[in-house]
Amino acid sequence: MRLNYILSSLSILLLGFGLMVFLPVFVALYYHESNAVMPFVYAGLISVLLSFVFNKFAGGRQNFNDLRKKEGLFIVALAWVVVSLIAGIPFLLSGINPVDAIFEGIASMTTTGATVTNEMMFSKTLYFWCSFSSWLGGMGVIVLFIAILPQFAVAGRQMFFAEVPGPPEDKITPRIKQTAAGLWGIYFVLTAIELLMLKFNGMNWFESACNSLSTISASGFSYHQISDVGAFNTRFLWIGTIFMFLAGVNFTLLYKIFIQKHFKSLFRSTEFMTYIYLIIFVSLFVTLTLIFRSGYDVVTSIRSALYQVISIITSTGATLSDMNNWPRASQILIFLLMLVGGSAGSASGGLKVVRVVIVFKYLRNEIEKILHPNIVSQIKLGKAVVSDEILRQILAFVIFYFLILIGSSIIVCAIENNITIGIMGSAYSLGNINPVFIYQGHGTINDLSPFTKLIFAFNMIVGRLEIIPFVAMLHKDFWKFNLKRSNNE
């Protein structure tokens, strides 16, 4: 890998991110929160300063037209770590200890939405930063910079698919820059529509902004969660449910439907239809268990089940009630749904529906080959054949996903002496899901060991990167650097 390419790329990304960090300063000034100004000023200056330092060591701006795949993987992985640490600086300068500040920054940027502090202690400025940084992370900061920076017009392809991996690699326009811009356009418009719907249904501008940023990014963190105010206005709940659902849909598919008017794409998408069927089946099951096992009325059962199922499958993680009081069968089914996650190319976490579909198709094919050894069969998504290369990548992804999940669960179980927090906490952090559910009745994240918080922070980063860049780094050949710009490794 060429170190000057990596440093130059990070320099550009950090300059742009540093300018975005200054945005909460205006929120602090508007709400007269003078103590919240300087933490963001310092964080923004640090990001800009690092940008100039990296540019200096890179020898100036580079031409990225021949960026290699592993360079793109490394830039994306390193960029996510660095911007997440910078995102934690305002928390650190607001009086939070370093480990908790790292956790907060990573949880926000990766759209996990978890917090180690009492949310009521947050200023409006910090609330806005949590929501805004989650929104940036939902679609991806790399995708944003590919869309707006001319330097990545060509080389952006390597970084785009490193940050937004998902079978198959699908573009909505011939140029990757236009694809990135199209995805961010849909993302922005959906956010704006939800904001206006919340506002005109009775929520104030600030809360509408925080909730819309939080919902579309599937982070589940905002000034007042939809579920908190839903008891007073059920319209907020239904608005939140609709936009959580959309946050879990592949944004490429949404672009094809709303911009390119390819309406048939919706029903031809195996992943989307599976996503719909999962939500309907699990919601129906949970509704029936709430009615007949927990004594809920029909309307409350339907609303609670649908909201909770969509919240979990999209990795938003917001809750309407204490699910520990729900029937055990519903809890188990919702936990399994959490492992699946939403669609590839969406703001949600988890394994992703399309990967689960392909794995089951692969298993079905293997069973058929046992019974009929000479059969020749192909795995298809709709009419498209899944190539052997993509199939291998998916199987490797799933294997590594569960290896990381099992490994972190064992370590956390040993540290915390608590199986529930060990297994479910690891699953929620790796799936980038707000872990409200598991801490109902188990204390708060702040009660955990600093080592556990760092393990969960690691899981959040790896989960947001969707394993691939991290797995690539495990090979010794990955770590070969070249200070000179050449074609040799």
Protein backbone atom coordinates (compact mmCIF):
# COMPACT_ATOMS: atom_id res chain seq x y z
CA MET A 1 0.00 0.00 0.00
CA ARG A 2 1.12 3.51 -0.76
CA LEU A 3 1.26 5.46 2.47
CA ASN A 4 1.10 8.85 0.74
CA TYR A 5 -2.23 7.87 -0.87
CA ILE A 6 -3.64 6.82 2.50
CA LEU A 7 -2.48 9.96 4.32
CA SER A 8 -3.67 12.23 1.53
CA SER A 9 -7.12 10.60 1.50
CA LEU A 10 -7.42 10.92 5.27
CA SER A 11 -6.33 14.53 5.00
CA ILE A 12 -9.21 15.35 2.66
CA LEU A 13 -11.75 13.42 4.73
CA LEU A 14 -10.67 14.99 8.02
CA LEU A 15 -10.82 18.49 6.61
CA GLY A 16 -14.41 17.95 5.53
CA PHE A 17 -15.38 16.25 8.78
CA GLY A 18 -13.71 18.99 10.82
CA LEU A 19 -15.89 21.61 9.14
CA MET A 20 -18.98 19.56 10.00
CA VAL A 21 -17.96 19.38 13.67
CA PHE A 22 -18.34 23.17 13.86
CA LEU A 23 -22.08 22.92 13.06
CA PRO A 24 -23.17 22.25 16.69
CA VAL A 25 -21.50 25.53 17.67
CA PHE A 26 -24.40 27.37 16.02
CA VAL A 27 -26.87 25.20 17.98
CA ALA A 28 -25.05 26.08 21.21
CA LEU A 29 -25.13 29.80 20.39
CA TYR A 30 -28.82 29.68 19.47
CA TYR A 31 -29.80 28.00 22.74
CA HIS A 32 -27.35 30.08 24.80
CA GLU A 33 -25.34 27.03 25.89
CA SER A 34 -22.01 28.83 26.13
CA ASN A 35 -20.31 25.90 27.87
CA ALA A 36 -20.97 23.71 24.82
CA VAL A 37 -19.23 25.99 22.31
CA MET A 38 -15.55 25.32 22.96
CA PRO A 39 -15.69 21.48 23.02
CA PHE A 40 -16.85 21.53 19.40
CA VAL A 41 -14.48 24.31 18.41
CA TYR A 42 -11.54 22.30 19.77
CA ALA A 43 -12.77 19.06 18.16
CA GLY A 44 -13.15 20.79 14.79
CA LEU A 45 -9.72 22.40 15.06
CA ILE A 46 -8.11 19.06 15.95
CA SER A 47 -9.67 17.44 12.88
CA VAL A 48 -8.52 20.29 10.62
CA LEU A 49 -5.03 20.26 12.17
CA LEU A 50 -4.70 16.51 11.61
CA SER A 51 -5.77 17.11 8.03
CA PHE A 52 -2.89 19.52 7.45
CA VAL A 53 -0.41 17.21 9.23
CA PHE A 54 -1.43 14.22 7.10
CA ASN A 55 -1.28 16.31 3.95
CA LYS A 56 2.22 17.44 4.87
CA PHE A 57 3.50 13.89 5.37
CA ALA A 58 1.72 12.76 2.18
CA GLY A 59 3.66 15.33 0.17
CA GLY A 60 0.53 17.20 -0.91
CA ARG A 61 -2.68 16.09 -2.63
CA GLN A 62 -2.37 12.87 -4.61
CA ASN A 63 -4.07 11.65 -7.77
CA PHE A 64 -6.28 8.75 -6.65
CA ASN A 65 -7.30 7.45 -10.07
CA ASP A 66 -5.36 4.19 -9.57
CA LEU A 67 -6.36 3.54 -5.96
CA ARG A 68 -6.15 -0.19 -5.16
CA LYS A 69 -8.78 -2.24 -3.40
CA LYS A 70 -6.84 -2.88 -0.21
CA GLU A 71 -5.87 0.79 -0.05
CA GLY A 72 -9.56 1.65 -0.25
CA LEU A 73 -10.35 -0.85 2.51
CA PHE A 74 -7.65 0.54 4.76
CA ILE A 75 -8.63 4.18 4.15
CA VAL A 76 -12.26 3.46 5.01
CA ALA A 77 -11.40 1.48 8.16
CA LEU A 78 -8.89 4.04 9.40
CA ALA A 79 -11.19 6.95 8.55
CA TRP A 80 -14.03 5.44 10.59
CA VAL A 81 -11.77 4.97 13.60
CA VAL A 82 -10.35 8.49 13.40
CA VAL A 83 -13.66 10.33 12.85
CA SER A 84 -15.28 8.29 15.65
CA LEU A 85 -12.51 9.32 18.04
CA ILE A 86 -12.90 12.96 16.98
CA ALA A 87 -16.67 12.63 17.46
CA GLY A 88 -15.93 11.66 21.07
CA ILE A 89 -13.82 14.76 21.83
CA PRO A 90 -16.82 17.01 22.65
CA PHE A 91 -17.94 14.42 25.23
CA LEU A 92 -14.44 14.28 26.71
CA LEU A 93 -14.25 18.07 26.97
CA SER A 94 -17.73 18.10 28.54
CA GLY A 95 -16.42 16.16 31.55
CA ILE A 96 -16.85 12.52 30.52
CA ASN A 97 -13.92 10.15 31.17
CA PRO A 98 -11.82 9.05 28.15
CA VAL A 99 -13.21 5.51 27.83
CA ASP A 100 -16.81 6.75 27.99
CA ALA A 101 -16.03 9.55 25.53
CA ILE A 102 -14.60 7.00 23.06
CA PHE A 103 -17.68 4.83 23.54
CA GLU A 104 -20.05 7.78 22.97
CA GLY A 105 -18.24 8.91 19.83
CA ILE A 106 -18.17 5.43 18.30
CA ALA A 107 -21.77 4.67 19.32
CA SER A 108 -22.94 7.87 17.62
CA MET A 109 -20.95 7.56 14.39
CA THR A 110 -21.79 3.87 13.93
CA THR A 111 -25.52 4.59 14.53
CA THR A 112 -25.60 2.21 17.49
CA GLY A 113 -27.20 4.93 19.59
CA ALA A 114 -26.04 3.54 22.93
CA THR A 115 -24.98 5.94 25.67
CA VAL A 116 -23.03 5.48 28.90
CA THR A 117 -24.45 8.61 30.47
CA ASN A 118 -27.81 9.76 31.77
CA GLU A 119 -29.46 11.31 28.73
CA MET A 120 -31.15 13.93 30.91
CA MET A 121 -27.68 15.35 31.66
CA PHE A 122 -27.08 16.11 27.99
CA SER A 123 -27.29 19.67 26.75
CA LYS A 124 -29.32 20.32 23.63
CA THR A 125 -26.06 20.78 21.76
CA LEU A 126 -24.78 17.31 22.70
CA TYR A 127 -28.17 15.81 21.85
CA PHE A 128 -27.99 17.44 18.45
CA TRP A 129 -24.43 16.16 17.95
CA CYS A 130 -25.45 12.59 18.82
CA SER A 131 -28.29 12.75 16.31
CA PHE A 132 -26.31 14.58 13.61
CA SER A 133 -23.20 12.38 13.86
CA SER A 134 -25.44 9.30 13.74
CA TRP A 135 -27.07 10.73 10.63
CA LEU A 136 -23.67 11.21 9.01
CA GLY A 137 -22.76 7.63 9.88
CA GLY A 138 -26.08 6.19 8.70
CA MET A 139 -25.40 6.68 5.02
CA GLY A 140 -21.64 6.88 5.56
CA VAL A 141 -19.20 9.76 5.75
CA ILE A 142 -17.10 8.22 2.97
CA VAL A 143 -20.10 8.03 0.63
CA LEU A 144 -20.86 11.67 1.44
CA PHE A 145 -17.35 12.81 0.53
CA ILE A 146 -17.37 10.71 -2.64
CA ALA A 147 -20.56 12.55 -3.59
CA ILE A 148 -19.25 16.08 -2.96
CA LEU A 149 -15.47 15.94 -3.48
CA PRO A 150 -14.06 15.86 -7.02
CA GLN A 151 -10.84 14.16 -5.80
CA PHE A 152 -12.75 10.87 -5.37
CA ALA A 153 -14.66 10.98 -8.64
CA VAL A 154 -12.78 7.94 -10.01
CA ALA A 155 -11.10 6.27 -7.04
CA GLY A 156 -14.27 6.50 -4.99
CA ARG A 157 -15.44 3.11 -6.26
CA GLN A 158 -12.94 1.23 -4.06
CA MET A 159 -13.92 3.20 -0.97
CA PHE A 160 -17.65 3.14 -1.79
CA PHE A 161 -17.90 -0.64 -1.80
CA ALA A 162 -15.59 -0.86 1.21
CA GLU A 163 -18.02 1.25 3.22
CA VAL A 164 -21.26 -0.02 1.68
CA PRO A 165 -20.58 -3.70 0.96
CA GLY A 166 -23.50 -5.84 0.00
CA PRO A 167 -24.27 -8.49 -2.61
CA PRO A 168 -24.56 -7.76 -5.40
CA GLU A 169 -22.53 -4.61 -5.97
CA ASP A 170 -25.20 -2.48 -7.56
CA LYS A 171 -24.94 0.98 -9.04
CA ILE A 172 -27.84 3.23 -9.90
CA THR A 173 -25.86 5.44 -12.30
CA PRO A 174 -22.82 4.82 -14.55
CA ARG A 175 -20.52 6.92 -12.33
CA ILE A 176 -19.87 6.06 -8.67
CA LYS A 177 -19.88 9.76 -7.76
CA GLN A 178 -23.40 10.09 -9.16
CA THR A 179 -24.45 6.94 -7.34
CA ALA A 180 -23.17 8.34 -4.02
CA ALA A 181 -24.91 11.66 -4.68
CA GLY A 182 -28.16 9.86 -5.55
CA LEU A 183 -28.12 7.80 -2.36
CA TRP A 184 -27.39 10.83 -0.20
CA GLY A 185 -30.14 12.72 -2.02
CA ILE A 186 -32.73 10.08 -1.11
CA TYR A 187 -31.38 9.98 2.45
CA PHE A 188 -31.64 13.75 2.81
CA VAL A 189 -35.12 13.99 1.33
CA LEU A 190 -36.49 11.25 3.61
CA THR A 191 -35.00 13.06 6.61
CA ALA A 192 -36.58 16.35 5.56
CA ILE A 193 -39.98 14.74 4.98
CA GLU A 194 -40.01 13.12 8.42
CA LEU A 195 -38.91 16.37 10.04
CA LEU A 196 -41.81 18.25 8.46
CA MET A 197 -44.33 15.51 9.30
CA LEU A 198 -43.29 15.53 12.96
CA LYS A 199 -43.33 19.32 13.11
CA PHE A 200 -46.76 19.70 11.58
CA ASN A 201 -48.16 17.02 13.88
CA GLY A 202 -47.22 19.00 16.98
CA MET A 203 -43.52 18.43 17.73
CA ASN A 204 -41.22 21.46 17.99
CA TRP A 205 -38.49 22.09 15.40
CA PHE A 206 -35.56 20.96 17.56
CA GLU A 207 -37.12 17.67 18.62
CA SER A 208 -38.37 17.06 15.09
CA ALA A 209 -34.84 17.52 13.75
CA CYS A 210 -33.24 15.23 16.33
CA ASN A 211 -35.87 12.53 15.89
CA SER A 212 -35.72 12.59 12.10
CA LEU A 213 -31.91 12.47 12.09
CA SER A 214 -32.03 9.60 14.57
CA THR A 215 -34.78 7.61 12.86
CA ILE A 216 -33.49 7.73 9.27
CA SER A 217 -30.00 6.77 10.49
CA ALA A 218 -31.53 3.89 12.52
CA SER A 219 -29.60 4.97 15.62
CA GLY A 220 -32.56 5.26 17.99
CA PHE A 221 -30.95 8.18 19.82
CA SER A 222 -32.56 11.63 19.93
CA TYR A 223 -33.73 14.41 22.21
CA HIS A 224 -37.00 12.62 22.84
CA GLN A 225 -37.45 9.24 21.22
CA ILE A 226 -40.65 8.77 19.29
CA SER A 227 -41.57 6.07 21.79
CA ASP A 228 -41.26 8.53 24.69
CA VAL A 229 -43.72 11.04 23.29
CA GLY A 230 -45.90 8.47 21.54
CA ALA A 231 -47.99 8.00 24.65
CA PHE A 232 -49.28 11.55 24.13
CA ASN A 233 -49.52 11.47 20.34
CA THR A 234 -49.78 8.11 18.58
CA ARG A 235 -49.23 9.89 15.27
CA PHE A 236 -45.57 10.27 16.27
CA LEU A 237 -45.35 6.50 16.73
CA TRP A 238 -46.76 5.76 13.29
CA ILE A 239 -44.51 8.36 11.66
CA GLY A 240 -41.53 6.84 13.46
CA THR A 241 -42.59 3.33 12.43
CA ILE A 242 -42.89 4.29 8.75
CA PHE A 243 -39.51 5.99 8.57
CA MET A 244 -37.74 3.27 10.57
CA PHE A 245 -39.10 0.84 8.00
CA LEU A 246 -37.73 2.99 5.16
CA ALA A 247 -34.36 3.25 6.92
CA GLY A 248 -34.11 -0.55 6.70
CA VAL A 249 -34.75 -0.65 2.94
CA ASN A 250 -31.90 -0.66 0.44
CA PHE A 251 -31.49 3.00 -0.55
CA THR A 252 -30.51 1.95 -4.06
CA LEU A 253 -33.93 0.33 -4.39
CA LEU A 254 -35.62 3.48 -3.04
CA TYR A 255 -33.73 5.55 -5.62
CA LYS A 256 -34.89 3.27 -8.44
CA ILE A 257 -38.49 3.55 -7.27
CA PHE A 258 -38.80 7.25 -6.42
CA ILE A 259 -36.32 8.80 -8.86
CA GLN A 260 -36.03 6.40 -11.79
CA LYS A 261 -39.70 5.32 -11.52
CA HIS A 262 -38.83 1.62 -11.76
CA PHE A 263 -41.78 0.57 -9.60
CA LYS A 264 -41.55 -3.09 -10.61
CA SER A 265 -38.12 -3.25 -8.95
CA LEU A 266 -39.88 -3.23 -5.59
CA PHE A 267 -41.66 -6.54 -6.08
CA ARG A 268 -38.82 -8.11 -8.06
CA SER A 269 -36.44 -7.62 -5.16
CA THR A 270 -36.08 -10.89 -3.26
CA GLU A 271 -34.47 -9.05 -0.36
CA PHE A 272 -37.26 -6.47 -0.04
CA MET A 273 -40.04 -9.06 -0.18
CA THR A 274 -38.25 -11.20 2.42
CA TYR A 275 -37.85 -8.07 4.58
CA ILE A 276 -41.61 -7.47 4.31
CA TYR A 277 -42.51 -11.09 5.07
CA LEU A 278 -40.26 -11.18 8.13
CA ILE A 279 -41.84 -8.03 9.55
CA ILE A 280 -45.39 -9.28 8.90
CA PHE A 281 -44.81 -12.78 10.28
CA VAL A 282 -42.96 -11.74 13.44
CA SER A 283 -45.32 -8.81 14.10
CA LEU A 284 -48.32 -11.12 13.81
CA PHE A 285 -46.74 -13.67 16.15
CA VAL A 286 -45.83 -11.02 18.74
CA THR A 287 -49.29 -9.46 18.49
CA LEU A 288 -50.98 -12.78 19.25
CA THR A 289 -48.68 -13.51 22.20
CA LEU A 290 -49.31 -10.04 23.65
CA ILE A 291 -53.07 -10.51 23.35
CA PHE A 292 -53.34 -14.07 24.66
CA ARG A 293 -50.34 -14.28 27.01
CA SER A 294 -49.91 -10.73 28.32
CA GLY A 295 -53.47 -9.43 28.24
CA TYR A 296 -52.86 -6.44 25.94
CA ASP A 297 -55.81 -5.06 23.98
CA VAL A 298 -55.80 -5.61 20.21
CA VAL A 299 -54.90 -2.06 19.15
CA THR A 300 -52.06 -1.73 21.66
CA SER A 301 -50.74 -5.18 20.72
CA ILE A 302 -50.65 -4.39 17.00
CA ARG A 303 -49.03 -0.99 17.53
CA SER A 304 -46.46 -2.28 20.03
CA ALA A 305 -45.57 -5.37 18.00
CA LEU A 306 -45.19 -3.56 14.69
CA TYR A 307 -43.17 -0.70 16.20
CA GLN A 308 -40.90 -3.04 18.14
CA VAL A 309 -40.32 -5.51 15.32
CA ILE A 310 -39.42 -2.76 12.83
CA SER A 311 -37.25 -1.03 15.44
CA ILE A 312 -35.26 -4.21 16.05
CA ILE A 313 -34.89 -5.46 12.48
CA THR A 314 -33.67 -2.02 11.38
CA SER A 315 -31.26 -1.86 14.37
CA THR A 316 -32.90 1.35 15.65
CA GLY A 317 -33.45 -0.29 19.03
CA ALA A 318 -36.06 2.11 20.42
CA THR A 319 -38.62 0.51 22.73
CA LEU A 320 -42.22 1.20 23.69
CA SER A 321 -42.21 -0.83 26.89
CA ASP A 322 -40.09 -3.20 28.96
CA MET A 323 -39.79 -6.22 26.68
CA ASN A 324 -38.53 -8.31 29.60
CA ASN A 325 -42.19 -8.55 30.58
CA TRP A 326 -43.16 -9.90 27.16
CA PRO A 327 -43.64 -13.65 26.55
CA ARG A 328 -40.31 -15.46 26.20
CA ALA A 329 -41.15 -16.78 22.74
CA SER A 330 -41.58 -13.21 21.46
CA GLN A 331 -38.28 -12.14 23.02
CA ILE A 332 -36.40 -15.01 21.36
CA LEU A 333 -37.99 -14.35 17.96
CA ILE A 334 -37.16 -10.63 18.18
CA PHE A 335 -33.57 -11.46 19.17
CA LEU A 336 -33.21 -13.71 16.10
CA LEU A 337 -34.70 -10.95 13.98
CA MET A 338 -32.05 -8.59 15.35
CA LEU A 339 -29.31 -10.92 14.11
CA VAL A 340 -30.79 -10.78 10.61
CA GLY A 341 -30.98 -6.97 10.42
CA GLY A 342 -32.33 -4.90 7.54
CA SER A 343 -31.44 -4.69 3.87
CA ALA A 344 -27.96 -4.35 2.40
CA GLY A 345 -27.28 -0.74 1.43
CA SER A 346 -29.58 0.57 4.17
CA ALA A 347 -28.86 2.38 7.44
CA SER A 348 -29.52 -0.78 9.47
CA GLY A 349 -27.02 -3.20 10.96
CA GLY A 350 -26.95 -6.97 11.41
CA LEU A 351 -26.13 -9.73 8.93
CA LYS A 352 -28.52 -8.19 6.35
CA VAL A 353 -31.53 -9.94 4.86
CA VAL A 354 -29.93 -10.67 1.48
CA ARG A 355 -27.02 -12.56 3.06
CA VAL A 356 -29.38 -14.68 5.16
CA VAL A 357 -31.47 -15.44 2.06
CA ILE A 358 -28.42 -16.51 0.08
CA VAL A 359 -27.10 -18.69 2.94
CA PHE A 360 -30.44 -20.52 3.15
CA LYS A 361 -30.49 -20.95 -0.63
CA TYR A 362 -26.96 -22.36 -0.44
CA LEU A 363 -27.96 -24.82 2.30
CA ARG A 364 -30.99 -25.91 0.29
CA ASN A 365 -28.76 -26.53 -2.73
CA GLU A 366 -26.36 -28.59 -0.65
CA ILE A 367 -29.21 -30.74 0.65
CA GLU A 368 -30.39 -31.30 -2.94
CA LYS A 369 -26.87 -32.35 -3.95
CA ILE A 370 -26.82 -34.92 -1.15
CA LEU A 371 -29.99 -36.49 -2.55
CA HIS A 372 -29.10 -35.91 -6.21
CA PRO A 373 -25.28 -35.84 -6.58
CA ASN A 374 -25.37 -35.13 -10.33
CA ILE A 375 -27.73 -32.19 -10.15
CA VAL A 376 -26.47 -28.83 -11.46
CA SER A 377 -28.12 -25.90 -9.71
CA GLN A 378 -27.45 -22.20 -9.35
CA ILE A 379 -28.27 -19.79 -6.56
CA LYS A 380 -30.36 -16.90 -7.82
CA LEU A 381 -31.67 -13.64 -6.44
CA GLY A 382 -34.68 -13.01 -8.60
CA LYS A 383 -33.37 -13.63 -12.12
CA ALA A 384 -29.74 -12.79 -11.26
CA VAL A 385 -27.31 -15.64 -10.64
CA VAL A 386 -25.15 -15.27 -7.53
CA SER A 387 -21.56 -15.77 -8.61
CA ASP A 388 -19.22 -18.15 -6.79
CA GLU A 389 -17.09 -15.18 -5.72
CA ILE A 390 -20.00 -13.38 -4.06
CA LEU A 391 -21.15 -16.64 -2.47
CA ARG A 392 -17.69 -17.19 -0.96
CA GLN A 393 -17.65 -13.63 0.37
CA ILE A 394 -21.04 -14.07 2.00
CA LEU A 395 -20.15 -17.38 3.63
CA ALA A 396 -16.87 -15.88 4.90
CA PHE A 397 -18.76 -12.84 6.20
CA VAL A 398 -21.25 -14.97 8.14
CA ILE A 399 -18.52 -17.21 9.60
CA PHE A 400 -16.38 -14.28 10.74
CA TYR A 401 -19.45 -12.45 12.06
CA PHE A 402 -20.29 -15.31 14.41
CA LEU A 403 -16.64 -15.89 15.34
CA ILE A 404 -16.36 -12.27 16.48
CA LEU A 405 -19.73 -12.54 18.23
CA ILE A 406 -18.74 -15.73 20.07
CA GLY A 407 -15.27 -14.44 20.98
CA SER A 408 -16.48 -11.11 22.36
CA SER A 409 -19.36 -12.84 24.20
CA ILE A 410 -16.96 -15.19 26.00
CA ILE A 411 -14.66 -12.34 27.03
CA VAL A 412 -17.49 -10.09 28.23
CA CYS A 413 -19.16 -12.97 30.10
CA ALA A 414 -15.87 -13.53 31.93
CA ILE A 415 -15.43 -9.83 32.72
CA GLU A 416 -19.01 -9.08 33.78
CA ASN A 417 -19.93 -12.53 35.12
CA ASN A 418 -23.25 -12.10 33.34
CA ILE A 419 -24.30 -14.30 30.42
CA THR A 420 -27.12 -12.00 29.29
CA ILE A 421 -24.91 -8.95 28.97
CA GLY A 422 -22.09 -11.02 27.46
CA ILE A 423 -24.11 -12.61 24.66
CA MET A 424 -26.76 -10.02 23.99
CA GLY A 425 -24.48 -7.03 24.57
CA SER A 426 -21.99 -8.42 22.06
CA ALA A 427 -24.76 -9.16 19.56
CA TYR A 428 -26.26 -5.70 19.91
CA SER A 429 -22.94 -3.89 19.61
CA LEU A 430 -21.81 -5.96 16.60
CA GLY A 431 -25.20 -5.40 14.96
CA ASN A 432 -25.08 -1.65 15.74
CA ILE A 433 -28.34 -1.81 17.68
CA ASN A 434 -29.30 0.48 20.55
CA PRO A 435 -29.13 -2.01 23.46
CA VAL A 436 -32.00 -0.60 25.52
CA PHE A 437 -33.66 -4.01 25.69
CA ILE A 438 -30.88 -5.91 27.44
CA TYR A 439 -30.30 -3.27 30.11
CA GLN A 440 -33.92 -3.17 31.21
CA GLY A 441 -33.49 -4.85 34.56
CA HIS A 442 -29.69 -5.18 34.20
CA GLY A 443 -28.56 -1.69 35.14
CA THR A 444 -27.00 0.65 32.56
CA ILE A 445 -24.04 0.58 30.20
CA ASN A 446 -22.26 2.90 32.61
CA ASP A 447 -22.21 0.07 35.17
CA LEU A 448 -20.01 -2.03 32.88
CA SER A 449 -16.26 -2.43 33.12
CA PRO A 450 -14.14 -0.07 30.97
CA PHE A 451 -12.76 -3.17 29.22
CA THR A 452 -16.31 -4.27 28.31
CA LYS A 453 -17.07 -0.82 26.92
CA LEU A 454 -13.94 -0.95 24.75
CA ILE A 455 -14.86 -4.43 23.48
CA PHE A 456 -18.34 -3.20 22.58
CA ALA A 457 -16.79 -0.13 20.93
CA PHE A 458 -14.58 -2.42 18.85
CA ASN A 459 -17.63 -4.49 17.88
CA MET A 460 -19.49 -1.35 16.83
CA ILE A 461 -16.71 -0.28 14.47
CA VAL A 462 -16.29 -3.77 12.99
CA GLY A 463 -20.06 -4.15 12.62
CA ARG A 464 -20.42 -0.78 10.88
CA LEU A 465 -17.63 -1.71 8.48
CA GLU A 466 -19.48 -5.00 7.87
CA ILE A 467 -16.50 -7.16 8.79
CA ILE A 468 -14.77 -7.14 5.38
CA PRO A 469 -12.08 -4.45 5.94
CA PHE A 470 -11.32 -5.90 9.37
CA VAL A 471 -11.00 -9.44 8.04
CA ALA A 472 -8.69 -8.25 5.26
CA MET A 473 -6.39 -6.76 7.88
CA LEU A 474 -5.85 -10.17 9.47
CA HIS A 475 -3.63 -11.24 6.57
CA LYS A 476 0.06 -10.38 6.87
CA ASP A 477 0.28 -9.31 3.21
CA PHE A 478 -2.17 -6.50 3.95
CA TRP A 479 0.42 -4.69 6.05
CA LYS A 480 2.91 -3.89 3.31
CA PHE A 481 3.47 -0.18 2.89
CA ASN A 482 5.38 1.78 0.29
CA LEU A 483 6.32 5.39 0.88
CA LYS A 484 6.84 5.99 -2.81
CA ARG A 485 4.16 6.37 -5.42
CA SER A 486 4.78 3.39 -7.67
CA ASN A 487 3.17 0.27 -9.01
CA ASN A 488 5.22 -1.95 -6.73
CA GLU A 489 4.04 -3.11 -3.35
